[in-house]
Amino acid sequence: MTNELLWVIFAIVNFTLFLLAYKFFGKLGVFVWIVAATILANIQVTKLIYLFGLEANLGNIMYGTIFLGTDVLNEMFGKKEARKAVYIGFSVMLITVVTMTIAVKFTPHPEDFAQGSLATIFGYMPRLLLASLTAFIVSQLIDVNVFDKIKEKLPENKYLWVRNNLSTVFSQFVDTIIFVPLAFLGEVSTDVLIGLIISTYLIKVLVAALDTPFIYLIKKVKPLKEIND
């Protein structure tokens, strides 16, 4: 199976799981998803792949669902809830980097088999998390504010795709030009770094386009939690 086909399947799986999280748990499910996606995206981002002939990291889809999550909260529950999700995600990043940085410092048992893998991923994580923390808080708050401003001007449901896509495309550009250099400068060649900036942003734009049907679906879904309540 090619990376491209697997990537499309992976995107559909992610968006479907997000939809199910909202279906079963409502607003709480979106908050839980954002927490999980924040952790998983920062692990997946350490894996570099070729996608559509470009260098890319694997975390773009999962990270893109965080923007979908804040857009859903903004659309259905208001700007205050979306901002709360951003601050929760930011806090999760801090907790992850502090606890895992200490965890890998422990001297492993002679028969331990996990230390090398943990050190490879989480030993690099402080730099990734610094890049992610900066890019995340800046880009996500921009996304929330831009979405809200567009909603004020174009509040009708038929313009939901405009709110979702324009806010995400702009904020993801900010996220990319902050994150990629901070995370990979000096770790990869200049050519690869430039390729990562271009490919990362193009893929994020594609993810934003792919999530559009799902935000419309979510508006039609009645969460089971609300039905039970």
C-alpha atoms as a PDB file:
ATOM      1  CA  MET A   1       0.000   0.000   0.000  1.00  0.00           C
ATOM      2  CA  THR A   2       1.423   3.411  -0.987  1.00  0.00           C
ATOM      3  CA  ASN A   3       1.930   6.207   1.512  1.00  0.00           C
ATOM      4  CA  GLU A   4      -0.571   8.338  -0.383  1.00  0.00           C
ATOM      5  CA  LEU A   5      -3.378   5.784  -0.182  1.00  0.00           C
ATOM      6  CA  LEU A   6      -2.579   5.010   3.437  1.00  0.00           C
ATOM      7  CA  TRP A   7      -2.600   8.737   4.205  1.00  0.00           C
ATOM      8  CA  VAL A   8      -6.102   9.160   2.759  1.00  0.00           C
ATOM      9  CA  ILE A   9      -7.329   6.161   4.773  1.00  0.00           C
ATOM     10  CA  PHE A  10      -5.613   7.533   7.876  1.00  0.00           C
ATOM     11  CA  ALA A  11      -7.319  10.918   7.385  1.00  0.00           C
ATOM     12  CA  ILE A  12     -10.765   9.333   7.024  1.00  0.00           C
ATOM     13  CA  VAL A  13     -10.170   7.185  10.123  1.00  0.00           C
ATOM     14  CA  ASN A  14      -9.122  10.232  12.158  1.00  0.00           C
ATOM     15  CA  PHE A  15     -12.096  12.335  11.115  1.00  0.00           C
ATOM     16  CA  THR A  16     -14.491   9.427  11.662  1.00  0.00           C
ATOM     17  CA  LEU A  17     -13.131   8.809  15.154  1.00  0.00           C
ATOM     18  CA  PHE A  18     -13.511  12.521  15.879  1.00  0.00           C
ATOM     19  CA  LEU A  19     -17.120  12.361  14.731  1.00  0.00           C
ATOM     20  CA  LEU A  20     -17.761   9.336  16.952  1.00  0.00           C
ATOM     21  CA  ALA A  21     -16.177  11.096  19.942  1.00  0.00           C
ATOM     22  CA  TYR A  22     -18.677  13.912  19.486  1.00  0.00           C
ATOM     23  CA  LYS A  23     -21.559  11.495  18.878  1.00  0.00           C
ATOM     24  CA  PHE A  24     -20.951   9.568  22.103  1.00  0.00           C
ATOM     25  CA  PHE A  25     -19.768  12.350  24.416  1.00  0.00           C
ATOM     26  CA  GLY A  26     -20.811  15.671  22.898  1.00  0.00           C
ATOM     27  CA  LYS A  27     -18.727  18.712  23.803  1.00  0.00           C
ATOM     28  CA  LEU A  28     -16.722  16.651  26.312  1.00  0.00           C
ATOM     29  CA  GLY A  29     -15.749  14.290  23.487  1.00  0.00           C
ATOM     30  CA  VAL A  30     -14.254  17.197  21.531  1.00  0.00           C
ATOM     31  CA  PHE A  31     -12.199  18.276  24.544  1.00  0.00           C
ATOM     32  CA  VAL A  32     -10.989  14.695  25.090  1.00  0.00           C
ATOM     33  CA  TRP A  33     -10.075  14.381  21.413  1.00  0.00           C
ATOM     34  CA  ILE A  34      -8.047  17.602  21.517  1.00  0.00           C
ATOM     35  CA  VAL A  35      -6.108  16.301  24.540  1.00  0.00           C
ATOM     36  CA  ALA A  36      -5.391  12.960  22.827  1.00  0.00           C
ATOM     37  CA  ALA A  37      -4.535  14.575  19.491  1.00  0.00           C
ATOM     38  CA  THR A  38      -2.149  17.017  21.140  1.00  0.00           C
ATOM     39  CA  ILE A  39      -0.110  14.141  22.583  1.00  0.00           C
ATOM     40  CA  LEU A  40      -0.286  11.829  19.570  1.00  0.00           C
ATOM     41  CA  ALA A  41       0.484  14.513  16.989  1.00  0.00           C
ATOM     42  CA  ASN A  42       3.689  15.431  18.795  1.00  0.00           C
ATOM     43  CA  ILE A  43       4.782  11.782  18.743  1.00  0.00           C
ATOM     44  CA  GLN A  44       3.792  11.208  15.123  1.00  0.00           C
ATOM     45  CA  VAL A  45       5.578  14.374  13.989  1.00  0.00           C
ATOM     46  CA  THR A  46       8.932  12.700  14.681  1.00  0.00           C
ATOM     47  CA  LYS A  47       8.339  10.332  11.762  1.00  0.00           C
ATOM     48  CA  LEU A  48       9.361  11.738   8.375  1.00  0.00           C
ATOM     49  CA  ILE A  49       7.851  10.271   5.226  1.00  0.00           C
ATOM     50  CA  TYR A  50       7.569  10.922   1.502  1.00  0.00           C
ATOM     51  CA  LEU A  51       4.082  11.980   0.484  1.00  0.00           C
ATOM     52  CA  PHE A  52       3.078  13.004  -3.040  1.00  0.00           C
ATOM     53  CA  GLY A  53       6.794  13.268  -3.827  1.00  0.00           C
ATOM     54  CA  LEU A  54       7.474  15.677  -0.957  1.00  0.00           C
ATOM     55  CA  GLU A  55       9.129  15.320   2.432  1.00  0.00           C
ATOM     56  CA  ALA A  56       6.501  15.454   5.161  1.00  0.00           C
ATOM     57  CA  ASN A  57       6.001  14.514   8.769  1.00  0.00           C
ATOM     58  CA  LEU A  58       3.289  12.145   9.873  1.00  0.00           C
ATOM     59  CA  GLY A  59       1.662  14.385  12.485  1.00  0.00           C
ATOM     60  CA  ASN A  60      -0.188  16.704  10.114  1.00  0.00           C
ATOM     61  CA  ILE A  61      -3.503  14.853  10.052  1.00  0.00           C
ATOM     62  CA  MET A  62      -3.787  14.394  13.795  1.00  0.00           C
ATOM     63  CA  TYR A  63      -2.665  17.960  14.382  1.00  0.00           C
ATOM     64  CA  GLY A  64      -5.201  19.180  11.833  1.00  0.00           C
ATOM     65  CA  THR A  65      -8.018  17.585  13.817  1.00  0.00           C
ATOM     66  CA  ILE A  66      -7.177  19.920  16.715  1.00  0.00           C
ATOM     67  CA  PHE A  67      -8.073  22.867  14.472  1.00  0.00           C
ATOM     68  CA  LEU A  68     -11.249  21.034  13.493  1.00  0.00           C
ATOM     69  CA  GLY A  69     -11.998  20.562  17.181  1.00  0.00           C
ATOM     70  CA  THR A  70     -11.615  24.239  18.075  1.00  0.00           C
ATOM     71  CA  ASP A  71     -13.673  25.219  15.016  1.00  0.00           C
ATOM     72  CA  VAL A  72     -16.454  22.860  16.098  1.00  0.00           C
ATOM     73  CA  LEU A  73     -16.412  24.295  19.625  1.00  0.00           C
ATOM     74  CA  ASN A  74     -16.387  27.836  18.259  1.00  0.00           C
ATOM     75  CA  GLU A  75     -19.243  27.125  15.870  1.00  0.00           C
ATOM     76  CA  MET A  76     -21.499  25.254  18.275  1.00  0.00           C
ATOM     77  CA  PHE A  77     -20.556  26.413  21.763  1.00  0.00           C
ATOM     78  CA  GLY A  78     -18.889  29.792  21.295  1.00  0.00           C
ATOM     79  CA  LYS A  79     -15.478  31.437  21.289  1.00  0.00           C
ATOM     80  CA  LYS A  80     -15.006  31.014  25.049  1.00  0.00           C
ATOM     81  CA  GLU A  81     -15.158  27.206  24.822  1.00  0.00           C
ATOM     82  CA  ALA A  82     -12.790  27.165  21.841  1.00  0.00           C
ATOM     83  CA  ARG A  83     -10.235  29.244  23.727  1.00  0.00           C
ATOM     84  CA  LYS A  84     -10.600  26.947  26.740  1.00  0.00           C
ATOM     85  CA  ALA A  85      -9.711  23.984  24.504  1.00  0.00           C
ATOM     86  CA  VAL A  86      -6.600  25.812  23.280  1.00  0.00           C
ATOM     87  CA  TYR A  87      -5.409  26.402  26.835  1.00  0.00           C
ATOM     88  CA  ILE A  88      -6.129  22.784  27.771  1.00  0.00           C
ATOM     89  CA  GLY A  89      -4.097  21.558  24.796  1.00  0.00           C
ATOM     90  CA  PHE A  90      -1.262  23.892  25.740  1.00  0.00           C
ATOM     91  CA  SER A  91      -1.322  22.571  29.320  1.00  0.00           C
ATOM     92  CA  VAL A  92      -1.226  18.965  28.087  1.00  0.00           C
ATOM     93  CA  MET A  93       1.914  19.733  26.078  1.00  0.00           C
ATOM     94  CA  LEU A  94       3.607  21.167  29.175  1.00  0.00           C
ATOM     95  CA  ILE A  95       2.626  18.184  31.297  1.00  0.00           C
ATOM     96  CA  THR A  96       3.870  15.765  28.631  1.00  0.00           C
ATOM     97  CA  VAL A  97       7.272  17.363  28.190  1.00  0.00           C
ATOM     98  CA  VAL A  98       7.923  17.707  31.927  1.00  0.00           C
ATOM     99  CA  THR A  99       6.889  14.176  32.895  1.00  0.00           C
ATOM    100  CA  MET A 100       8.476  12.372  29.933  1.00  0.00           C
ATOM    101  CA  THR A 101      11.727  14.320  30.176  1.00  0.00           C
ATOM    102  CA  ILE A 102      12.073  13.080  33.762  1.00  0.00           C
ATOM    103  CA  ALA A 103      10.901   9.564  32.857  1.00  0.00           C
ATOM    104  CA  VAL A 104      13.677   8.939  30.326  1.00  0.00           C
ATOM    105  CA  LYS A 105      16.304  10.022  32.880  1.00  0.00           C
ATOM    106  CA  PHE A 106      15.660   6.945  35.041  1.00  0.00           C
ATOM    107  CA  THR A 107      18.355   4.280  34.774  1.00  0.00           C
ATOM    108  CA  PRO A 108      16.667   1.315  33.086  1.00  0.00           C
ATOM    109  CA  HIS A 109      16.677  -2.274  34.379  1.00  0.00           C
ATOM    110  CA  PRO A 110      19.309  -4.467  32.643  1.00  0.00           C
ATOM    111  CA  GLU A 111      16.514  -6.398  30.905  1.00  0.00           C
ATOM    112  CA  ASP A 112      14.532  -3.310  29.939  1.00  0.00           C
ATOM    113  CA  PHE A 113      13.708  -3.128  26.233  1.00  0.00           C
ATOM    114  CA  ALA A 114      11.857   0.203  26.018  1.00  0.00           C
ATOM    115  CA  GLN A 115      14.428   2.792  27.101  1.00  0.00           C
ATOM    116  CA  GLY A 116      16.039   3.196  23.684  1.00  0.00           C
ATOM    117  CA  SER A 117      12.737   3.739  21.931  1.00  0.00           C
ATOM    118  CA  LEU A 118      11.462   6.107  24.614  1.00  0.00           C
ATOM    119  CA  ALA A 119      14.697   8.092  24.544  1.00  0.00           C
ATOM    120  CA  THR A 120      14.558   8.346  20.745  1.00  0.00           C
ATOM    121  CA  ILE A 121      11.042   9.770  20.804  1.00  0.00           C
ATOM    122  CA  PHE A 122      10.803  11.644  24.080  1.00  0.00           C
ATOM    123  CA  GLY A 123      14.458  12.570  24.326  1.00  0.00           C
ATOM    124  CA  TYR A 124      13.896  14.720  21.263  1.00  0.00           C
ATOM    125  CA  MET A 125      10.533  15.846  22.509  1.00  0.00           C
ATOM    126  CA  PRO A 126      11.642  18.895  24.560  1.00  0.00           C
ATOM    127  CA  ARG A 127      12.723  20.681  21.380  1.00  0.00           C
ATOM    128  CA  LEU A 128       9.644  19.494  19.529  1.00  0.00           C
ATOM    129  CA  LEU A 129       7.461  20.564  22.417  1.00  0.00           C
ATOM    130  CA  LEU A 130       9.080  24.001  22.558  1.00  0.00           C
ATOM    131  CA  ALA A 131       8.341  24.370  18.847  1.00  0.00           C
ATOM    132  CA  SER A 132       4.854  22.952  19.297  1.00  0.00           C
ATOM    133  CA  LEU A 133       4.049  25.079  22.342  1.00  0.00           C
ATOM    134  CA  THR A 134       4.991  28.267  20.532  1.00  0.00           C
ATOM    135  CA  ALA A 135       3.311  27.357  17.261  1.00  0.00           C
ATOM    136  CA  PHE A 136       0.263  25.856  18.967  1.00  0.00           C
ATOM    137  CA  ILE A 137      -0.665  28.728  21.247  1.00  0.00           C
ATOM    138  CA  VAL A 138      -0.084  31.385  18.577  1.00  0.00           C
ATOM    139  CA  SER A 139      -1.781  29.628  15.675  1.00  0.00           C
ATOM    140  CA  GLN A 140      -4.698  28.232  17.658  1.00  0.00           C
ATOM    141  CA  LEU A 141      -5.623  31.570  19.194  1.00  0.00           C
ATOM    142  CA  ILE A 142      -5.385  33.126  15.734  1.00  0.00           C
ATOM    143  CA  ASP A 143      -7.656  30.356  14.395  1.00  0.00           C
ATOM    144  CA  VAL A 144     -10.242  30.973  17.116  1.00  0.00           C
ATOM    145  CA  ASN A 145     -10.248  34.731  16.569  1.00  0.00           C
ATOM    146  CA  VAL A 146     -10.322  34.570  12.762  1.00  0.00           C
ATOM    147  CA  PHE A 147     -13.137  31.970  12.828  1.00  0.00           C
ATOM    148  CA  ASP A 148     -15.125  34.182  15.209  1.00  0.00           C
ATOM    149  CA  LYS A 149     -14.609  37.304  13.078  1.00  0.00           C
ATOM    150  CA  ILE A 150     -15.701  35.521   9.916  1.00  0.00           C
ATOM    151  CA  LYS A 151     -18.723  34.124  11.766  1.00  0.00           C
ATOM    152  CA  GLU A 152     -19.730  37.668  12.731  1.00  0.00           C
ATOM    153  CA  LYS A 153     -19.647  38.705   9.067  1.00  0.00           C
ATOM    154  CA  LEU A 154     -20.959  35.450   7.540  1.00  0.00           C
ATOM    155  CA  PRO A 155     -23.060  33.704  10.226  1.00  0.00           C
ATOM    156  CA  GLU A 156     -25.224  31.583   7.901  1.00  0.00           C
ATOM    157  CA  ASN A 157     -24.704  27.817   7.876  1.00  0.00           C
ATOM    158  CA  LYS A 158     -23.974  27.866   4.139  1.00  0.00           C
ATOM    159  CA  TYR A 159     -20.789  29.811   4.929  1.00  0.00           C
ATOM    160  CA  LEU A 160     -19.543  27.321   7.510  1.00  0.00           C
ATOM    161  CA  TRP A 161     -17.035  25.975   4.976  1.00  0.00           C
ATOM    162  CA  VAL A 162     -15.682  29.523   4.558  1.00  0.00           C
ATOM    163  CA  ARG A 163     -15.260  29.987   8.310  1.00  0.00           C
ATOM    164  CA  ASN A 164     -13.673  26.576   8.725  1.00  0.00           C
ATOM    165  CA  ASN A 165     -11.296  26.724   5.781  1.00  0.00           C
ATOM    166  CA  LEU A 166     -10.166  30.354   5.834  1.00  0.00           C
ATOM    167  CA  SER A 167      -9.432  30.385   9.553  1.00  0.00           C
ATOM    168  CA  THR A 168      -7.591  27.070   9.376  1.00  0.00           C
ATOM    169  CA  VAL A 169      -5.604  27.816   6.207  1.00  0.00           C
ATOM    170  CA  PHE A 170      -4.375  31.127   7.619  1.00  0.00           C
ATOM    171  CA  SER A 171      -3.594  29.858  11.121  1.00  0.00           C
ATOM    172  CA  GLN A 172      -1.909  26.716   9.772  1.00  0.00           C
ATOM    173  CA  PHE A 173       0.404  28.914   7.695  1.00  0.00           C
ATOM    174  CA  VAL A 174       1.418  30.728  10.880  1.00  0.00           C
ATOM    175  CA  ASP A 175       1.815  27.385  12.655  1.00  0.00           C
ATOM    176  CA  THR A 176       4.049  25.982   9.907  1.00  0.00           C
ATOM    177  CA  ILE A 177       6.454  28.893   9.638  1.00  0.00           C
ATOM    178  CA  ILE A 178       6.904  28.816  13.421  1.00  0.00           C
ATOM    179  CA  PHE A 179       7.029  25.067  14.049  1.00  0.00           C
ATOM    180  CA  VAL A 180       9.165  23.594  11.269  1.00  0.00           C
ATOM    181  CA  PRO A 181      12.250  25.834  11.689  1.00  0.00           C
ATOM    182  CA  LEU A 182      12.127  25.626  15.498  1.00  0.00           C
ATOM    183  CA  ALA A 183      11.733  21.828  15.422  1.00  0.00           C
ATOM    184  CA  PHE A 184      14.101  20.802  12.629  1.00  0.00           C
ATOM    185  CA  LEU A 185      16.650  23.576  11.992  1.00  0.00           C
ATOM    186  CA  GLY A 186      20.095  22.023  12.312  1.00  0.00           C
ATOM    187  CA  GLU A 187      18.649  18.504  12.434  1.00  0.00           C
ATOM    188  CA  VAL A 188      18.017  18.213   8.692  1.00  0.00           C
ATOM    189  CA  SER A 189      19.596  19.819   5.635  1.00  0.00           C
ATOM    190  CA  THR A 190      18.402  23.215   4.384  1.00  0.00           C
ATOM    191  CA  ASP A 191      16.811  21.628   1.324  1.00  0.00           C
ATOM    192  CA  VAL A 192      14.895  19.175   3.480  1.00  0.00           C
ATOM    193  CA  LEU A 193      13.864  21.994   5.843  1.00  0.00           C
ATOM    194  CA  ILE A 194      12.436  24.075   3.000  1.00  0.00           C
ATOM    195  CA  GLY A 195      10.754  20.983   1.602  1.00  0.00           C
ATOM    196  CA  LEU A 196       9.209  20.301   4.998  1.00  0.00           C
ATOM    197  CA  ILE A 197       7.834  23.850   5.249  1.00  0.00           C
ATOM    198  CA  ILE A 198       6.260  23.651   1.796  1.00  0.00           C
ATOM    199  CA  SER A 199       4.966  20.100   2.066  1.00  0.00           C
ATOM    200  CA  THR A 200       3.751  20.534   5.641  1.00  0.00           C
ATOM    201  CA  TYR A 201       1.693  23.562   4.733  1.00  0.00           C
ATOM    202  CA  LEU A 202       0.289  22.065   1.530  1.00  0.00           C
ATOM    203  CA  ILE A 203      -0.720  18.922   3.386  1.00  0.00           C
ATOM    204  CA  LYS A 204      -2.318  20.971   6.175  1.00  0.00           C
ATOM    205  CA  VAL A 205      -4.357  22.821   3.556  1.00  0.00           C
ATOM    206  CA  LEU A 206      -5.440  19.473   2.119  1.00  0.00           C
ATOM    207  CA  VAL A 207      -6.400  18.258   5.591  1.00  0.00           C
ATOM    208  CA  ALA A 208      -8.459  21.430   6.112  1.00  0.00           C
ATOM    209  CA  ALA A 209     -10.318  20.733   2.860  1.00  0.00           C
ATOM    210  CA  LEU A 210     -10.907  17.095   3.793  1.00  0.00           C
ATOM    211  CA  ASP A 211     -12.381  17.966   7.193  1.00  0.00           C
ATOM    212  CA  THR A 212     -15.070  20.260   5.707  1.00  0.00           C
ATOM    213  CA  PRO A 213     -17.716  17.537   5.156  1.00  0.00           C
ATOM    214  CA  PHE A 214     -17.177  16.336   8.707  1.00  0.00           C
ATOM    215  CA  ILE A 215     -17.878  19.707  10.318  1.00  0.00           C
ATOM    216  CA  TYR A 216     -21.173  19.795   8.411  1.00  0.00           C
ATOM    217  CA  LEU A 217     -21.921  16.230   9.555  1.00  0.00           C
ATOM    218  CA  ILE A 218     -21.195  17.135  13.164  1.00  0.00           C
ATOM    219  CA  LYS A 219     -23.780  19.923  13.041  1.00  0.00           C
ATOM    220  CA  LYS A 220     -26.368  17.318  12.088  1.00  0.00           C
ATOM    221  CA  VAL A 221     -25.359  14.839  14.815  1.00  0.00           C
ATOM    222  CA  LYS A 222     -27.286  14.661  18.070  1.00  0.00           C
ATOM    223  CA  PRO A 223     -24.834  13.520  20.774  1.00  0.00           C
ATOM    224  CA  LEU A 224     -25.962  10.498  22.791  1.00  0.00           C
ATOM    225  CA  LYS A 225     -24.973  12.304  25.985  1.00  0.00           C
ATOM    226  CA  GLU A 226     -27.493  15.054  25.243  1.00  0.00           C
ATOM    227  CA  ILE A 227     -30.162  12.493  24.296  1.00  0.00           C
ATOM    228  CA  ASN A 228     -29.595  10.601  27.561  1.00  0.00           C
ATOM    229  CA  ASP A 229     -29.608  13.817  29.594  1.00  0.00           C
END
